[in-house]
């Protein structure tokens, strides 16, 4: 993620103090731990760097849910439809029995 002016200043100061490689390590460790804030340009996405972790967690949970839904739909598609026999007079159970035909 691109650094802000504040981030560039802090990073260059740390690189002067600790050396180029170690300064960069210290800078990003401090940023990740939350000791320094506002050093990267996360505002264009609509959230601050402190909110980035919950967003990543939410994205991973959405991906997991999508995977579960896909698996459910695949299992459902593999099921064979139940062969339903049409109802006839013989296999129906009416609430009132049919009257006997006259003359029979």
C-alpha atoms as a PDB file:
ATOM      1  CA  UNK A   1       0.000   0.000   0.000  1.00  0.00           C
ATOM      2  CA  UNK A   2       1.406   3.456  -0.820  1.00  0.00           C
ATOM      3  CA  UNK A   3       2.743   5.514   2.062  1.00  0.00           C
ATOM      4  CA  UNK A   4       1.474   8.938   3.060  1.00  0.00           C
ATOM      5  CA  UNK A   5       3.799  11.896   3.580  1.00  0.00           C
ATOM      6  CA  UNK A   6       3.824  11.107   7.298  1.00  0.00           C
ATOM      7  CA  UNK A   7       4.745   7.490   6.549  1.00  0.00           C
ATOM      8  CA  UNK A   8       7.556   8.477   4.203  1.00  0.00           C
ATOM      9  CA  UNK A   9       9.005  10.826   6.842  1.00  0.00           C
ATOM     10  CA  UNK A  10       8.895   8.235   9.608  1.00  0.00           C
ATOM     11  CA  UNK A  11      10.328   5.507   7.379  1.00  0.00           C
ATOM     12  CA  UNK A  12      13.241   7.659   6.220  1.00  0.00           C
ATOM     13  CA  UNK A  13      13.979   8.702   9.810  1.00  0.00           C
ATOM     14  CA  UNK A  14      14.028   5.056  10.927  1.00  0.00           C
ATOM     15  CA  UNK A  15      16.257   4.095   8.004  1.00  0.00           C
ATOM     16  CA  UNK A  16      18.720   6.848   8.985  1.00  0.00           C
ATOM     17  CA  UNK A  17      18.712   5.684  12.590  1.00  0.00           C
ATOM     18  CA  UNK A  18      18.809   1.890  12.071  1.00  0.00           C
ATOM     19  CA  UNK A  19      20.179   1.523   8.537  1.00  0.00           C
ATOM     20  CA  UNK A  20      18.229   0.855   5.312  1.00  0.00           C
ATOM     21  CA  UNK A  21      17.132  -2.752   5.894  1.00  0.00           C
ATOM     22  CA  UNK A  22      16.700  -2.720   9.660  1.00  0.00           C
ATOM     23  CA  UNK A  23      14.939   0.674   9.487  1.00  0.00           C
ATOM     24  CA  UNK A  24      12.399  -0.705   7.037  1.00  0.00           C
ATOM     25  CA  UNK A  25      11.833  -3.748   9.271  1.00  0.00           C
ATOM     26  CA  UNK A  26      11.320  -1.559  12.339  1.00  0.00           C
ATOM     27  CA  UNK A  27       8.977   0.756  10.426  1.00  0.00           C
ATOM     28  CA  UNK A  28       6.691  -2.013   9.169  1.00  0.00           C
ATOM     29  CA  UNK A  29       6.778  -3.843  12.516  1.00  0.00           C
ATOM     30  CA  UNK A  30       5.689  -0.643  14.262  1.00  0.00           C
ATOM     31  CA  UNK A  31       2.973  -0.068  11.660  1.00  0.00           C
ATOM     32  CA  UNK A  32       1.633  -3.622  11.927  1.00  0.00           C
ATOM     33  CA  UNK A  33       1.640  -3.512  15.719  1.00  0.00           C
ATOM     34  CA  UNK A  34      -0.295  -0.247  15.652  1.00  0.00           C
ATOM     35  CA  UNK A  35       2.392   1.931  17.310  1.00  0.00           C
ATOM     36  CA  UNK A  36       2.253   4.342  14.366  1.00  0.00           C
ATOM     37  CA  UNK A  37      -0.923   5.085  12.409  1.00  0.00           C
ATOM     38  CA  UNK A  38      -1.815   7.049   9.325  1.00  0.00           C
ATOM     39  CA  UNK A  39       1.336   5.999   7.489  1.00  0.00           C
ATOM     40  CA  UNK A  40      -0.287   4.171   4.603  1.00  0.00           C
ATOM     41  CA  UNK A  41      -2.951   5.363   2.211  1.00  0.00           C
ATOM     42  CA  UNK A  42      -5.853   3.137   3.283  1.00  0.00           C
ATOM     43  CA  UNK A  43      -8.360   6.001   3.411  1.00  0.00           C
ATOM     44  CA  UNK A  44      -9.181   5.732  -0.291  1.00  0.00           C
ATOM     45  CA  UNK A  45     -10.827   2.369   0.415  1.00  0.00           C
ATOM     46  CA  UNK A  46     -13.137   3.883   2.994  1.00  0.00           C
ATOM     47  CA  UNK A  47     -11.560   2.403   6.120  1.00  0.00           C
ATOM     48  CA  UNK A  48      -8.563   3.086   8.297  1.00  0.00           C
ATOM     49  CA  UNK A  49      -5.653   0.736   8.837  1.00  0.00           C
ATOM     50  CA  UNK A  50      -7.111  -0.302  12.219  1.00  0.00           C
ATOM     51  CA  UNK A  51     -10.260  -1.506  10.484  1.00  0.00           C
ATOM     52  CA  UNK A  52      -8.348  -3.461   7.826  1.00  0.00           C
ATOM     53  CA  UNK A  53      -8.076  -6.615   9.965  1.00  0.00           C
ATOM     54  CA  UNK A  54     -11.847  -6.972  10.545  1.00  0.00           C
ATOM     55  CA  UNK A  55     -12.451  -6.419   6.825  1.00  0.00           C
ATOM     56  CA  UNK A  56      -9.969  -9.173   5.932  1.00  0.00           C
ATOM     57  CA  UNK A  57     -11.647 -11.485   8.458  1.00  0.00           C
ATOM     58  CA  UNK A  58     -15.079 -10.691   7.006  1.00  0.00           C
ATOM     59  CA  UNK A  59     -13.845 -11.409   3.479  1.00  0.00           C
ATOM     60  CA  UNK A  60     -12.407 -14.771   4.533  1.00  0.00           C
ATOM     61  CA  UNK A  61     -15.661 -15.674   6.313  1.00  0.00           C
ATOM     62  CA  UNK A  62     -17.645 -14.767   3.187  1.00  0.00           C
ATOM     63  CA  UNK A  63     -15.350 -16.955   1.083  1.00  0.00           C
ATOM     64  CA  UNK A  64     -15.828 -19.841   3.521  1.00  0.00           C
ATOM     65  CA  UNK A  65     -19.611 -19.394   3.412  1.00  0.00           C
ATOM     66  CA  UNK A  66     -19.579 -19.327  -0.393  1.00  0.00           C
ATOM     67  CA  UNK A  67     -17.602 -22.584  -0.421  1.00  0.00           C
ATOM     68  CA  UNK A  68     -20.103 -24.225   1.945  1.00  0.00           C
ATOM     69  CA  UNK A  69     -23.066 -23.071  -0.171  1.00  0.00           C
ATOM     70  CA  UNK A  70     -21.432 -24.405  -3.339  1.00  0.00           C
ATOM     71  CA  UNK A  71     -20.830 -27.784  -1.672  1.00  0.00           C
ATOM     72  CA  UNK A  72     -24.439 -27.884  -0.478  1.00  0.00           C
ATOM     73  CA  UNK A  73     -25.736 -27.140  -3.979  1.00  0.00           C
ATOM     74  CA  UNK A  74     -23.502 -29.847  -5.502  1.00  0.00           C
ATOM     75  CA  UNK A  75     -24.819 -32.430  -2.995  1.00  0.00           C
ATOM     76  CA  UNK A  76     -28.375 -31.351  -3.665  1.00  0.00           C
ATOM     77  CA  UNK A  77     -27.861 -31.655  -7.434  1.00  0.00           C
ATOM     78  CA  UNK A  78     -26.595 -35.235  -7.022  1.00  0.00           C
ATOM     79  CA  UNK A  79     -29.801 -36.393  -5.347  1.00  0.00           C
ATOM     80  CA  UNK A  80     -32.130 -38.397  -7.551  1.00  0.00           C
ATOM     81  CA  UNK A  81     -35.671 -37.114  -7.736  1.00  0.00           C
ATOM     82  CA  UNK A  82     -38.242 -39.274  -6.018  1.00  0.00           C
ATOM     83  CA  UNK A  83     -40.538 -41.006  -8.481  1.00  0.00           C
ATOM     84  CA  UNK A  84     -44.029 -39.953  -7.445  1.00  0.00           C
ATOM     85  CA  UNK A  85     -46.871 -42.177  -8.575  1.00  0.00           C
ATOM     86  CA  UNK A  86     -50.016 -40.411  -9.700  1.00  0.00           C
ATOM     87  CA  UNK A  87     -52.905 -40.691  -7.295  1.00  0.00           C
ATOM     88  CA  UNK A  88     -55.702 -43.017  -8.238  1.00  0.00           C
ATOM     89  CA  UNK A  89     -58.967 -43.862  -6.623  1.00  0.00           C
ATOM     90  CA  UNK A  90     -57.420 -46.987  -5.078  1.00  0.00           C
ATOM     91  CA  UNK A  91     -54.485 -45.343  -3.310  1.00  0.00           C
ATOM     92  CA  UNK A  92     -56.352 -42.292  -2.090  1.00  0.00           C
ATOM     93  CA  UNK A  93     -57.641 -42.151   1.423  1.00  0.00           C
ATOM     94  CA  UNK A  94     -60.685 -39.939   1.325  1.00  0.00           C
ATOM     95  CA  UNK A  95     -62.111 -38.520   4.482  1.00  0.00           C
ATOM     96  CA  UNK A  96     -65.471 -40.051   3.608  1.00  0.00           C
ATOM     97  CA  UNK A  97     -65.646 -43.453   1.954  1.00  0.00           C
ATOM     98  CA  UNK A  98     -67.202 -43.645  -1.480  1.00  0.00           C
ATOM     99  CA  UNK A  99     -70.802 -44.796  -1.468  1.00  0.00           C
ATOM    100  CA  UNK A 100     -71.520 -48.155  -2.954  1.00  0.00           C
ATOM    101  CA  UNK A 101     -72.935 -48.143  -6.411  1.00  0.00           C
ATOM    102  CA  UNK A 102     -76.619 -49.020  -6.556  1.00  0.00           C
ATOM    103  CA  UNK A 103     -77.498 -52.388  -7.909  1.00  0.00           C
ATOM    104  CA  UNK A 104     -74.226 -53.962  -7.079  1.00  0.00           C
END
